Amino acid sequence: MVKQALEAFGPAGLTHLADLTEKRTCRFASAAVYADAEGVLHTFADDSRKPGTIAPAPDRGTGLRSWSDLWSIFVPEGTTSTLAALPPTDQDQIFAEWRGNSVVAALGAWLAEVDPRH
């Protein structure tokens, strides 16, 4: 759904939609589903990351790191800049906090339990 929203509205369009809200609060959430050989689905989800706000306008800053256009509009809690515009050390601190609840890490840990050969 994120890809379609970004293609339809773009970062600037999403900031304009946030103009219609009272608080502009948002958060990153993620999910992964693994289908095993028997077809059983194993779901890993995380929506526990700290909230942030949507910036008044996109800001990519001058950094080279940006995984998603969402980085140009997401202002992490406790900061005044978008994730894309933050210095790399501040980005690294935020990513370290998020890593603890990563769905990719949870999936990897589960796979290691199920098949310890990996």
PDB file of N, CA and C in Angstrom:
ATOM      1  N   MET A   1       0.805  -1.190   0.000  1.00  0.00           N
ATOM      2  CA  MET A   1       0.000   0.000   0.000  1.00  0.00           C
ATOM      3  C   MET A   1       0.858   1.268   0.000  1.00  0.00           C
ATOM      4  N   VAL A   2       2.013   1.222   0.637  1.00  0.00           N
ATOM      5  CA  VAL A   2       2.880   2.394   0.699  1.00  0.00           C
ATOM      6  C   VAL A   2       3.359   2.780  -0.696  1.00  0.00           C
ATOM      7  N   LYS A   3       3.794   1.788  -1.465  1.00  0.00           N
ATOM      8  CA  LYS A   3       4.291   2.061  -2.817  1.00  0.00           C
ATOM      9  C   LYS A   3       3.216   2.757  -3.645  1.00  0.00           C
ATOM     10  N   GLN A   4       1.994   2.264  -3.572  1.00  0.00           N
ATOM     11  CA  GLN A   4       0.904   2.848  -4.348  1.00  0.00           C
ATOM     12  C   GLN A   4       0.592   4.275  -3.890  1.00  0.00           C
ATOM     13  N   ALA A   5       0.621   4.503  -2.579  1.00  0.00           N
ATOM     14  CA  ALA A   5       0.355   5.851  -2.057  1.00  0.00           C
ATOM     15  C   ALA A   5       1.449   6.819  -2.498  1.00  0.00           C
ATOM     16  N   LEU A   6       2.707   6.383  -2.428  1.00  0.00           N
ATOM     17  CA  LEU A   6       3.799   7.259  -2.862  1.00  0.00           C
ATOM     18  C   LEU A   6       3.722   7.548  -4.361  1.00  0.00           C
ATOM     19  N   GLU A   7       3.349   6.541  -5.149  1.00  0.00           N
ATOM     20  CA  GLU A   7       3.220   6.762  -6.590  1.00  0.00           C
ATOM     21  C   GLU A   7       2.060   7.698  -6.907  1.00  0.00           C
ATOM     22  N   ALA A   8       0.962   7.563  -6.175  1.00  0.00           N
ATOM     23  CA  ALA A   8      -0.223   8.379  -6.441  1.00  0.00           C
ATOM     24  C   ALA A   8      -0.075   9.819  -5.947  1.00  0.00           C
ATOM     25  N   PHE A   9       0.468   9.985  -4.742  1.00  0.00           N
ATOM     26  CA  PHE A   9       0.507  11.307  -4.121  1.00  0.00           C
ATOM     27  C   PHE A   9       1.887  11.945  -4.115  1.00  0.00           C
ATOM     28  N   GLY A  10       2.925  11.113  -4.047  1.00  0.00           N
ATOM     29  CA  GLY A  10       4.276  11.628  -3.867  1.00  0.00           C
ATOM     30  C   GLY A  10       4.447  12.162  -2.454  1.00  0.00           C
ATOM     31  N   PRO A  11       5.684  12.406  -2.037  1.00  0.00           N
ATOM     32  CA  PRO A  11       5.914  12.922  -0.686  1.00  0.00           C
ATOM     33  C   PRO A  11       5.179  14.244  -0.424  1.00  0.00           C
ATOM     34  N   ALA A  12       5.184  15.143  -1.399  1.00  0.00           N
ATOM     35  CA  ALA A  12       4.516  16.438  -1.201  1.00  0.00           C
ATOM     36  C   ALA A  12       3.004  16.258  -1.025  1.00  0.00           C
ATOM     37  N   GLY A  13       2.435  15.331  -1.779  1.00  0.00           N
ATOM     38  CA  GLY A  13       0.999  15.071  -1.639  1.00  0.00           C
ATOM     39  C   GLY A  13       0.655  14.509  -0.266  1.00  0.00           C
ATOM     40  N   LEU A  14       1.532  13.638   0.258  1.00  0.00           N
ATOM     41  CA  LEU A  14       1.289  13.096   1.602  1.00  0.00           C
ATOM     42  C   LEU A  14       1.383  14.190   2.664  1.00  0.00           C
ATOM     43  N   THR A  15       2.313  15.136   2.488  1.00  0.00           N
ATOM     44  CA  THR A  15       2.384  16.236   3.465  1.00  0.00           C
ATOM     45  C   THR A  15       1.130  17.095   3.389  1.00  0.00           C
ATOM     46  N   HIS A  16       0.583  17.271   2.185  1.00  0.00           N
ATOM     47  CA  HIS A  16      -0.658  18.041   2.042  1.00  0.00           C
ATOM     48  C   HIS A  16      -1.832  17.312   2.692  1.00  0.00           C
ATOM     49  N   LEU A  17      -1.865  15.984   2.576  1.00  0.00           N
ATOM     50  CA  LEU A  17      -2.909  15.222   3.270  1.00  0.00           C
ATOM     51  C   LEU A  17      -2.787  15.397   4.783  1.00  0.00           C
ATOM     52  N   ALA A  18      -1.553  15.434   5.271  1.00  0.00           N
ATOM     53  CA  ALA A  18      -1.337  15.628   6.710  1.00  0.00           C
ATOM     54  C   ALA A  18      -1.816  17.000   7.160  1.00  0.00           C
ATOM     55  N   ASP A  19      -1.852  17.983   6.229  1.00  0.00           N
ATOM     56  CA  ASP A  19      -2.388  19.304   6.570  1.00  0.00           C
ATOM     57  C   ASP A  19      -3.837  19.214   7.030  1.00  0.00           C
ATOM     58  N   LEU A  20      -4.524  18.158   6.621  1.00  0.00           N
ATOM     59  CA  LEU A  20      -5.933  17.983   6.975  1.00  0.00           C
ATOM     60  C   LEU A  20      -6.120  17.334   8.344  1.00  0.00           C
ATOM     61  N   THR A  21      -5.029  16.930   8.971  1.00  0.00           N
ATOM     62  CA  THR A  21      -5.114  16.277  10.274  1.00  0.00           C
ATOM     63  C   THR A  21      -4.812  17.279  11.382  1.00  0.00           C
ATOM     64  N   GLU A  22      -5.138  16.891  12.591  1.00  0.00           N
ATOM     65  CA  GLU A  22      -4.926  17.776  13.726  1.00  0.00           C
ATOM     66  C   GLU A  22      -3.487  17.749  14.229  1.00  0.00           C
ATOM     67  N   LYS A  23      -2.881  16.553  14.278  1.00  0.00           N
ATOM     68  CA  LYS A  23      -1.569  16.422  14.927  1.00  0.00           C
ATOM     69  C   LYS A  23      -0.435  15.981  14.012  1.00  0.00           C
ATOM     70  N   ARG A  24      -0.713  15.498  12.809  1.00  0.00           N
ATOM     71  CA  ARG A  24       0.300  15.032  11.859  1.00  0.00           C
ATOM     72  C   ARG A  24       1.088  13.821  12.378  1.00  0.00           C
ATOM     73  N   THR A  25       0.596  13.129  13.405  1.00  0.00           N
ATOM     74  CA  THR A  25       1.297  11.996  13.998  1.00  0.00           C
ATOM     75  C   THR A  25       1.312  10.814  13.034  1.00  0.00           C
ATOM     76  N   CYS A  26       2.462  10.126  13.002  1.00  0.00           N
ATOM     77  CA  CYS A  26       2.593   8.939  12.162  1.00  0.00           C
ATOM     78  C   CYS A  26       3.656   8.028  12.774  1.00  0.00           C
ATOM     79  N   ARG A  27       3.806   6.841  12.222  1.00  0.00           N
ATOM     80  CA  ARG A  27       4.852   5.910  12.646  1.00  0.00           C
ATOM     81  C   ARG A  27       5.100   4.923  11.518  1.00  0.00           C
ATOM     82  N   PHE A  28       6.286   4.346  11.538  1.00  0.00           N
ATOM     83  CA  PHE A  28       6.600   3.275  10.606  1.00  0.00           C
ATOM     84  C   PHE A  28       6.129   1.964  11.238  1.00  0.00           C
ATOM     85  N   ALA A  29       5.509   1.133  10.441  1.00  0.00           N
ATOM     86  CA  ALA A  29       5.129  -0.210  10.866  1.00  0.00           C
ATOM     87  C   ALA A  29       5.555  -1.163   9.747  1.00  0.00           C
ATOM     88  N   SER A  30       5.855  -2.393  10.115  1.00  0.00           N
ATOM     89  CA  SER A  30       6.278  -3.346   9.093  1.00  0.00           C
ATOM     90  C   SER A  30       5.768  -4.734   9.419  1.00  0.00           C
ATOM     91  N   ALA A  31       5.702  -5.555   8.374  1.00  0.00           N
ATOM     92  CA  ALA A  31       5.238  -6.928   8.541  1.00  0.00           C
ATOM     93  C   ALA A  31       5.902  -7.818   7.498  1.00  0.00           C
ATOM     94  N   ALA A  32       6.052  -9.072   7.866  1.00  0.00           N
ATOM     95  CA  ALA A  32       6.550 -10.090   6.945  1.00  0.00           C
ATOM     96  C   ALA A  32       5.774 -11.372   7.217  1.00  0.00           C
ATOM     97  N   VAL A  33       5.463 -12.085   6.166  1.00  0.00           N
ATOM     98  CA  VAL A  33       4.767 -13.360   6.291  1.00  0.00           C
ATOM     99  C   VAL A  33       5.589 -14.418   5.577  1.00  0.00           C
ATOM    100  N   TYR A  34       5.847 -15.509   6.275  1.00  0.00           N
ATOM    101  CA  TYR A  34       6.618 -16.621   5.725  1.00  0.00           C
ATOM    102  C   TYR A  34       5.674 -17.814   5.581  1.00  0.00           C
ATOM    103  N   ALA A  35       5.605 -18.372   4.377  1.00  0.00           N
ATOM    104  CA  ALA A  35       4.806 -19.578   4.146  1.00  0.00           C
ATOM    105  C   ALA A  35       5.759 -20.763   4.145  1.00  0.00           C
ATOM    106  N   ASP A  36       5.560 -21.690   5.087  1.00  0.00           N
ATOM    107  CA  ASP A  36       6.457 -22.841   5.167  1.00  0.00           C
ATOM    108  C   ASP A  36       6.065 -23.895   4.125  1.00  0.00           C
ATOM    109  N   ALA A  37       6.807 -24.982   4.096  1.00  0.00           N
ATOM    110  CA  ALA A  37       6.604 -26.024   3.079  1.00  0.00           C
ATOM    111  C   ALA A  37       5.199 -26.621   3.120  1.00  0.00           C
ATOM    112  N   GLU A  38       4.555 -26.596   4.291  1.00  0.00           N
ATOM    113  CA  GLU A  38       3.194 -27.131   4.418  1.00  0.00           C
ATOM    114  C   GLU A  38       2.140 -26.070   4.105  1.00  0.00           C
ATOM    115  N   GLY A  39       2.568 -24.850   3.785  1.00  0.00           N
ATOM    116  CA  GLY A  39       1.624 -23.783   3.481  1.00  0.00           C
ATOM    117  C   GLY A  39       1.142 -23.018   4.700  1.00  0.00           C
ATOM    118  N   VAL A  40       1.707 -23.317   5.861  1.00  0.00           N
ATOM    119  CA  VAL A  40       1.319 -22.605   7.081  1.00  0.00           C
ATOM    120  C   VAL A  40       1.986 -21.226   7.057  1.00  0.00           C
ATOM    121  N   LEU A  41       1.193 -20.195   7.327  1.00  0.00           N
ATOM    122  CA  LEU A  41       1.706 -18.828   7.328  1.00  0.00           C
ATOM    123  C   LEU A  41       2.200 -18.443   8.719  1.00  0.00           C
ATOM    124  N   HIS A  42       3.361 -17.846   8.763  1.00  0.00           N
ATOM    125  CA  HIS A  42       3.951 -17.358  10.011  1.00  0.00           C
ATOM    126  C   HIS A  42       4.132 -15.854   9.845  1.00  0.00           C
ATOM    127  N   THR A  43       3.442 -15.078  10.677  1.00  0.00           N
ATOM    128  CA  THR A  43       3.410 -13.628  10.541  1.00  0.00           C
ATOM    129  C   THR A  43       4.287 -12.967  11.588  1.00  0.00           C
ATOM    130  N   PHE A  44       5.055 -11.996  11.137  1.00  0.00           N
ATOM    131  CA  PHE A  44       5.920 -11.206  12.011  1.00  0.00           C
ATOM    132  C   PHE A  44       5.556  -9.747  11.758  1.00  0.00           C
ATOM    133  N   ALA A  45       5.159  -9.032  12.798  1.00  0.00           N
ATOM    134  CA  ALA A  45       4.717  -7.651  12.628  1.00  0.00           C
ATOM    135  C   ALA A  45       5.263  -6.775  13.741  1.00  0.00           C
ATOM    136  N   ASP A  46       5.429  -5.505  13.404  1.00  0.00           N
ATOM    137  CA  ASP A  46       5.912  -4.536  14.378  1.00  0.00           C
ATOM    138  C   ASP A  46       5.284  -3.185  14.106  1.00  0.00           C
ATOM    139  N   ASP A  47       4.599  -2.659  15.090  1.00  0.00           N
ATOM    140  CA  ASP A  47       4.135  -1.278  15.010  1.00  0.00           C
ATOM    141  C   ASP A  47       4.457  -0.560  16.323  1.00  0.00           C
ATOM    142  N   SER A  48       5.536  -1.014  16.963  1.00  0.00           N
ATOM    143  CA  SER A  48       5.887  -0.484  18.279  1.00  0.00           C
ATOM    144  C   SER A  48       6.921   0.641  18.224  1.00  0.00           C
ATOM    145  N   ARG A  49       7.336   1.020  17.028  1.00  0.00           N
ATOM    146  CA  ARG A  49       8.325   2.101  16.928  1.00  0.00           C
ATOM    147  C   ARG A  49       7.733   3.403  17.437  1.00  0.00           C
ATOM    148  N   LYS A  50       8.599   4.256  17.957  1.00  0.00           N
ATOM    149  CA  LYS A  50       8.150   5.550  18.458  1.00  0.00           C
ATOM    150  C   LYS A  50       7.483   6.327  17.326  1.00  0.00           C
ATOM    151  N   PRO A  51       6.432   7.065  17.665  1.00  0.00           N
ATOM    152  CA  PRO A  51       5.783   7.858  16.623  1.00  0.00           C
ATOM    153  C   PRO A  51       6.648   9.059  16.241  1.00  0.00           C
ATOM    154  N   GLY A  52       6.272   9.673  15.193  1.00  0.00           N
ATOM    155  CA  GLY A  52       6.877  10.915  14.757  1.00  0.00           C
ATOM    156  C   GLY A  52       5.783  11.770  14.171  1.00  0.00           C
ATOM    157  N   THR A  53       6.165  12.725  13.364  1.00  0.00           N
ATOM    158  CA  THR A  53       5.185  13.566  12.688  1.00  0.00           C
ATOM    159  C   THR A  53       5.536  13.656  11.214  1.00  0.00           C
ATOM    160  N   ILE A  54       4.569  14.098  10.444  1.00  0.00           N
ATOM    161  CA  ILE A  54       4.807  14.333   9.024  1.00  0.00           C
ATOM    162  C   ILE A  54       5.218  15.793   8.871  1.00  0.00           C
ATOM    163  N   ALA A  55       6.343  16.002   8.202  1.00  0.00           N
ATOM    164  CA  ALA A  55       6.885  17.347   8.005  1.00  0.00           C
ATOM    165  C   ALA A  55       5.912  18.207   7.187  1.00  0.00           C
ATOM    166  N   PRO A  56       6.015  19.527   7.339  1.00  0.00           N
ATOM    167  CA  PRO A  56       5.166  20.412   6.527  1.00  0.00           C
ATOM    168  C   PRO A  56       5.466  20.300   5.025  1.00  0.00           C
ATOM    169  N   ALA A  57       6.723  19.958   4.697  1.00  0.00           N
ATOM    170  CA  ALA A  57       7.130  19.781   3.296  1.00  0.00           C
ATOM    171  C   ALA A  57       8.275  18.773   3.260  1.00  0.00           C
ATOM    172  N   PRO A  58       8.437  18.051   2.157  1.00  0.00           N
ATOM    173  CA  PRO A  58       9.552  17.100   2.059  1.00  0.00           C
ATOM    174  C   PRO A  58      10.898  17.800   2.230  1.00  0.00           C
ATOM    175  N   ASP A  59      11.830  17.111   2.893  1.00  0.00           N
ATOM    176  CA  ASP A  59      13.185  17.627   3.079  1.00  0.00           C
ATOM    177  C   ASP A  59      14.141  16.448   3.014  1.00  0.00           C
ATOM    178  N   ARG A  60      14.893  16.359   1.927  1.00  0.00           N
ATOM    179  CA  ARG A  60      15.862  15.276   1.748  1.00  0.00           C
ATOM    180  C   ARG A  60      17.188  15.595   2.404  1.00  0.00           C
ATOM    181  N   GLY A  61      17.407  16.844   2.820  1.00  0.00           N
ATOM    182  CA  GLY A  61      18.683  17.200   3.409  1.00  0.00           C
ATOM    183  C   GLY A  61      19.795  17.057   2.385  1.00  0.00           C
ATOM    184  N   THR A  62      21.019  16.913   2.878  1.00  0.00           N
ATOM    185  CA  THR A  62      22.165  16.788   1.983  1.00  0.00           C
ATOM    186  C   THR A  62      22.798  15.401   2.048  1.00  0.00           C
ATOM    187  N   GLY A  63      22.249  14.535   2.904  1.00  0.00           N
ATOM    188  CA  GLY A  63      22.816  13.196   3.057  1.00  0.00           C
ATOM    189  C   GLY A  63      22.529  12.308   1.861  1.00  0.00           C
ATOM    190  N   LEU A  64      23.331  11.261   1.743  1.00  0.00           N
ATOM    191  CA  LEU A  64      23.172  10.318   0.643  1.00  0.00           C
ATOM    192  C   LEU A  64      22.258   9.155   0.990  1.00  0.00           C
ATOM    193  N   ARG A  65      22.031   8.925   2.310  1.00  0.00           N
ATOM    194  CA  ARG A  65      21.240   7.772   2.729  1.00  0.00           C
ATOM    195  C   ARG A  65      19.751   8.082   2.655  1.00  0.00           C
ATOM    196  N   SER A  66      19.030   7.246   1.974  1.00  0.00           N
ATOM    197  CA  SER A  66      17.572   7.347   1.969  1.00  0.00           C
ATOM    198  C   SER A  66      17.027   6.089   1.331  1.00  0.00           C
ATOM    199  N   TRP A  67      16.392   5.279   2.139  1.00  0.00           N
ATOM    200  CA  TRP A  67      15.863   4.021   1.656  1.00  0.00           C
ATOM    201  C   TRP A  67      14.511   4.224   0.982  1.00  0.00           C
ATOM    202  N   SER A  68      13.772   5.229   1.448  1.00  0.00           N
ATOM    203  CA  SER A  68      12.426   5.461   0.948  1.00  0.00           C
ATOM    204  C   SER A  68      12.154   6.959   0.889  1.00  0.00           C
ATOM    205  N   ASP A  69      11.273   7.356  -0.012  1.00  0.00           N
ATOM    206  CA  ASP A  69      10.838   8.752  -0.045  1.00  0.00           C
ATOM    207  C   ASP A  69      10.143   9.150   1.249  1.00  0.00           C
ATOM    208  N   LEU A  70       9.669   8.174   2.009  1.00  0.00           N
ATOM    209  CA  LEU A  70       9.044   8.485   3.297  1.00  0.00           C
ATOM    210  C   LEU A  70      10.035   9.132   4.257  1.00  0.00           C
ATOM    211  N   TRP A  71      11.318   8.829   4.079  1.00  0.00           N
ATOM    212  CA  TRP A  71      12.339   9.439   4.939  1.00  0.00           C
ATOM    213  C   TRP A  71      12.324  10.952   4.801  1.00  0.00           C
ATOM    214  N   SER A  72      11.897  11.475   3.644  1.00  0.00           N
ATOM    215  CA  SER A  72      11.916  12.916   3.410  1.00  0.00           C
ATOM    216  C   SER A  72      10.742  13.638   4.063  1.00  0.00           C
ATOM    217  N   ILE A  73       9.784  12.883   4.611  1.00  0.00           N
ATOM    218  CA  ILE A  73       8.639  13.534   5.268  1.00  0.00           C
ATOM    219  C   ILE A  73       8.455  13.107   6.725  1.00  0.00           C
ATOM    220  N   PHE A  74       9.159  12.075   7.176  1.00  0.00           N
ATOM    221  CA  PHE A  74       9.014  11.581   8.544  1.00  0.00           C
ATOM    222  C   PHE A  74       9.975  12.312   9.480  1.00  0.00           C
ATOM    223  N   VAL A  75       9.428  12.961  10.499  1.00  0.00           N
ATOM    224  CA  VAL A  75      10.223  13.642  11.518  1.00  0.00           C
ATOM    225  C   VAL A  75      10.167  12.774  12.779  1.00  0.00           C
ATOM    226  N   PRO A  76      11.257  12.088  13.124  1.00  0.00           N
ATOM    227  CA  PRO A  76      11.243  11.214  14.299  1.00  0.00           C
ATOM    228  C   PRO A  76      10.983  11.999  15.592  1.00  0.00           C
ATOM    229  N   GLU A  77      10.338  11.341  16.525  1.00  0.00           N
ATOM    230  CA  GLU A  77      10.066  11.947  17.833  1.00  0.00           C
ATOM    231  C   GLU A  77      11.371  12.441  18.456  1.00  0.00           C
ATOM    232  N   GLY A  78      11.330  13.643  18.990  1.00  0.00           N
ATOM    233  CA  GLY A  78      12.505  14.204  19.646  1.00  0.00           C
ATOM    234  C   GLY A  78      13.455  14.935  18.711  1.00  0.00           C
ATOM    235  N   THR A  79      13.117  15.011  17.423  1.00  0.00           N
ATOM    236  CA  THR A  79      13.962  15.736  16.468  1.00  0.00           C
ATOM    237  C   THR A  79      13.134  16.825  15.797  1.00  0.00           C
ATOM    238  N   THR A  80      13.809  17.674  15.069  1.00  0.00           N
ATOM    239  CA  THR A  80      13.120  18.734  14.324  1.00  0.00           C
ATOM    240  C   THR A  80      13.349  18.605  12.823  1.00  0.00           C
ATOM    241  N   SER A  81      14.080  17.586  12.406  1.00  0.00           N
ATOM    242  CA  SER A  81      14.385  17.367  10.991  1.00  0.00           C
ATOM    243  C   SER A  81      13.786  16.054  10.520  1.00  0.00           C
ATOM    244  N   THR A  82      13.621  15.948   9.218  1.00  0.00           N
ATOM    245  CA  THR A  82      13.160  14.674   8.668  1.00  0.00           C
ATOM    246  C   THR A  82      14.263  13.634   8.824  1.00  0.00           C
ATOM    247  N   LEU A  83      13.885  12.393   8.758  1.00  0.00           N
ATOM    248  CA  LEU A  83      14.853  11.304   8.876  1.00  0.00           C
ATOM    249  C   LEU A  83      15.941  11.440   7.809  1.00  0.00           C
ATOM    250  N   ALA A  84      15.569  11.823   6.598  1.00  0.00           N
ATOM    251  CA  ALA A  84      16.545  11.970   5.517  1.00  0.00           C
ATOM    252  C   ALA A  84      17.518  13.113   5.780  1.00  0.00           C
ATOM    253  N   ALA A  85      17.063  14.158   6.462  1.00  0.00           N
ATOM    254  CA  ALA A  85      17.900  15.338   6.684  1.00  0.00           C
ATOM    255  C   ALA A  85      18.741  15.251   7.959  1.00  0.00           C
ATOM    256  N   LEU A  86      18.511  14.235   8.779  1.00  0.00           N
ATOM    257  CA  LEU A  86      19.296  14.094  10.006  1.00  0.00           C
ATOM    258  C   LEU A  86      20.743  13.712   9.689  1.00  0.00           C
ATOM    259  N   PRO A  87      21.671  14.115  10.546  1.00  0.00           N
ATOM    260  CA  PRO A  87      23.051  13.656  10.372  1.00  0.00           C
ATOM    261  C   PRO A  87      23.122  12.132  10.499  1.00  0.00           C
ATOM    262  N   PRO A  88      24.081  11.495   9.831  1.00  0.00           N
ATOM    263  CA  PRO A  88      24.197  10.034   9.878  1.00  0.00           C
ATOM    264  C   PRO A  88      24.259   9.467  11.301  1.00  0.00           C
ATOM    265  N   THR A  89      24.905  10.153  12.230  1.00  0.00           N
ATOM    266  CA  THR A  89      24.986   9.630  13.605  1.00  0.00           C
ATOM    267  C   THR A  89      23.610   9.589  14.258  1.00  0.00           C
ATOM    268  N   ASP A  90      22.768  10.600  13.991  1.00  0.00           N
ATOM    269  CA  ASP A  90      21.404  10.601  14.532  1.00  0.00           C
ATOM    270  C   ASP A  90      20.561   9.518  13.864  1.00  0.00           C
ATOM    271  N   GLN A  91      20.741   9.344  12.560  1.00  0.00           N
ATOM    272  CA  GLN A  91      20.028   8.271  11.860  1.00  0.00           C
ATOM    273  C   GLN A  91      20.409   6.919  12.458  1.00  0.00           C
ATOM    274  N   ASP A  92      21.708   6.712  12.669  1.00  0.00           N
ATOM    275  CA  ASP A  92      22.185   5.440  13.221  1.00  0.00           C
ATOM    276  C   ASP A  92      21.579   5.165  14.584  1.00  0.00           C
ATOM    277  N   GLN A  93      21.431   6.188  15.411  1.00  0.00           N
ATOM    278  CA  GLN A  93      20.832   6.017  16.737  1.00  0.00           C
ATOM    279  C   GLN A  93      19.370   5.577  16.617  1.00  0.00           C
ATOM    280  N   ILE A  94      18.644   6.180  15.712  1.00  0.00           N
ATOM    281  CA  ILE A  94      17.237   5.810  15.498  1.00  0.00           C
ATOM    282  C   ILE A  94      17.144   4.380  14.977  1.00  0.00           C
ATOM    283  N   PHE A  95      17.995   4.026  14.014  1.00  0.00           N
ATOM    284  CA  PHE A  95      17.966   2.680  13.461  1.00  0.00           C
ATOM    285  C   PHE A  95      18.327   1.640  14.514  1.00  0.00           C
ATOM    286  N   ALA A  96      19.237   1.977  15.417  1.00  0.00           N
ATOM    287  CA  ALA A  96      19.611   1.053  16.496  1.00  0.00           C
ATOM    288  C   ALA A  96      18.405   0.789  17.397  1.00  0.00           C
ATOM    289  N   GLU A  97      17.609   1.817  17.675  1.00  0.00           N
ATOM    290  CA  GLU A  97      16.390   1.627  18.471  1.00  0.00           C
ATOM    291  C   GLU A  97      15.398   0.747  17.733  1.00  0.00           C
ATOM    292  N   TRP A  98      15.235   0.981  16.433  1.00  0.00           N
ATOM    293  CA  TRP A  98      14.280   0.213  15.638  1.00  0.00           C
ATOM    294  C   TRP A  98      14.712  -1.231  15.469  1.00  0.00           C
ATOM    295  N   ARG A  99      16.015  -1.464  15.403  1.00  0.00           N
ATOM    296  CA  ARG A  99      16.545  -2.808  15.134  1.00  0.00           C
ATOM    297  C   ARG A  99      16.046  -3.837  16.144  1.00  0.00           C
ATOM    298  N   GLY A 100      15.827  -3.411  17.370  1.00  0.00           N
ATOM    299  CA  GLY A 100      15.363  -4.332  18.405  1.00  0.00           C
ATOM    300  C   GLY A 100      14.011  -4.952  18.107  1.00  0.00           C
ATOM    301  N   ASN A 101      13.203  -4.283  17.301  1.00  0.00           N
ATOM    302  CA  ASN A 101      11.874  -4.799  16.959  1.00  0.00           C
ATOM    303  C   ASN A 101      11.729  -5.133  15.484  1.00  0.00           C
ATOM    304  N   SER A 102      12.840  -5.317  14.809  1.00  0.00           N
ATOM    305  CA  SER A 102      12.825  -5.561  13.373  1.00  0.00           C
ATOM    306  C   SER A 102      12.113  -6.869  13.036  1.00  0.00           C
ATOM    307  N   VAL A 103      11.191  -6.806  12.064  1.00  0.00           N
ATOM    308  CA  VAL A 103      10.524  -8.036  11.635  1.00  0.00           C
ATOM    309  C   VAL A 103      11.498  -8.951  10.907  1.00  0.00           C
ATOM    310  N   VAL A 104      12.483  -8.381  10.252  1.00  0.00           N
ATOM    311  CA  VAL A 104      13.490  -9.196   9.573  1.00  0.00           C
ATOM    312  C   VAL A 104      14.305  -9.970  10.609  1.00  0.00           C
ATOM    313  N   ALA A 105      14.683  -9.301  11.715  1.00  0.00           N
ATOM    314  CA  ALA A 105      15.414  -9.987  12.782  1.00  0.00           C
ATOM    315  C   ALA A 105      14.541 -11.060  13.425  1.00  0.00           C
ATOM    316  N   ALA A 106      13.263 -10.759  13.635  1.00  0.00           N
ATOM    317  CA  ALA A 106      12.349 -11.746  14.226  1.00  0.00           C
ATOM    318  C   ALA A 106      12.189 -12.955  13.312  1.00  0.00           C
ATOM    319  N   LEU A 107      12.046 -12.715  12.016  1.00  0.00           N
ATOM    320  CA  LEU A 107      11.946 -13.815  11.056  1.00  0.00           C
ATOM    321  C   LEU A 107      13.226 -14.636  11.065  1.00  0.00           C
ATOM    322  N   GLY A 108      14.377 -13.980  11.060  1.00  0.00           N
ATOM    323  CA  GLY A 108      15.657 -14.693  11.087  1.00  0.00           C
ATOM    324  C   GLY A 108      15.820 -15.535  12.334  1.00  0.00           C
ATOM    325  N   ALA A 109      15.430 -14.985  13.493  1.00  0.00           N
ATOM    326  CA  ALA A 109      15.530 -15.732  14.752  1.00  0.00           C
ATOM    327  C   ALA A 109      14.607 -16.948  14.718  1.00  0.00           C
ATOM    328  N   TRP A 110      13.397 -16.774  14.187  1.00  0.00           N
ATOM    329  CA  TRP A 110      12.448 -17.884  14.103  1.00  0.00           C
ATOM    330  C   TRP A 110      12.981 -18.972  13.169  1.00  0.00           C
ATOM    331  N   LEU A 111      13.518 -18.562  12.008  1.00  0.00           N
ATOM    332  CA  LEU A 111      14.075 -19.540  11.075  1.00  0.00           C
ATOM    333  C   LEU A 111      15.235 -20.306  11.704  1.00  0.00           C
ATOM    334  N   ALA A 112      16.047 -19.629  12.491  1.00  0.00           N
ATOM    335  CA  ALA A 112      17.175 -20.298  13.170  1.00  0.00           C
ATOM    336  C   ALA A 112      16.678 -21.338  14.168  1.00  0.00           C
ATOM    337  N   GLU A 113      15.544 -21.057  14.825  1.00  0.00           N
ATOM    338  CA  GLU A 113      14.961 -22.030  15.770  1.00  0.00           C
ATOM    339  C   GLU A 113      14.391 -23.222  15.039  1.00  0.00           C
ATOM    340  N   VAL A 114      13.708 -22.966  13.933  1.00  0.00           N
ATOM    341  CA  VAL A 114      13.036 -24.015  13.166  1.00  0.00           C
ATOM    342  C   VAL A 114      14.053 -24.902  12.468  1.00  0.00           C
ATOM    343  N   ASP A 115      15.090 -24.289  11.893  1.00  0.00           N
ATOM    344  CA  ASP A 115      16.111 -25.028  11.176  1.00  0.00           C
ATOM    345  C   ASP A 115      17.482 -24.502  11.608  1.00  0.00           C
ATOM    346  N   PRO A 116      18.028 -25.038  12.681  1.00  0.00           N
ATOM    347  CA  PRO A 116      19.284 -24.512  13.234  1.00  0.00           C
ATOM    348  C   PRO A 116      20.493 -24.618  12.311  1.00  0.00           C
ATOM    349  N   ARG A 117      20.353 -25.295  11.166  1.00  0.00           N
ATOM    350  CA  ARG A 117      21.470 -25.388  10.218  1.00  0.00           C
ATOM    351  C   ARG A 117      21.773 -24.020   9.605  1.00  0.00           C
ATOM    352  N   HIS A 118      20.819 -23.085   9.667  1.00  0.00           N
ATOM    353  CA  HIS A 118      20.997 -21.757   9.006  1.00  0.00           C
ATOM    354  C   HIS A 118      21.338 -20.705   9.986  1.00  0.00           C
TER     355      HIS A 118
END
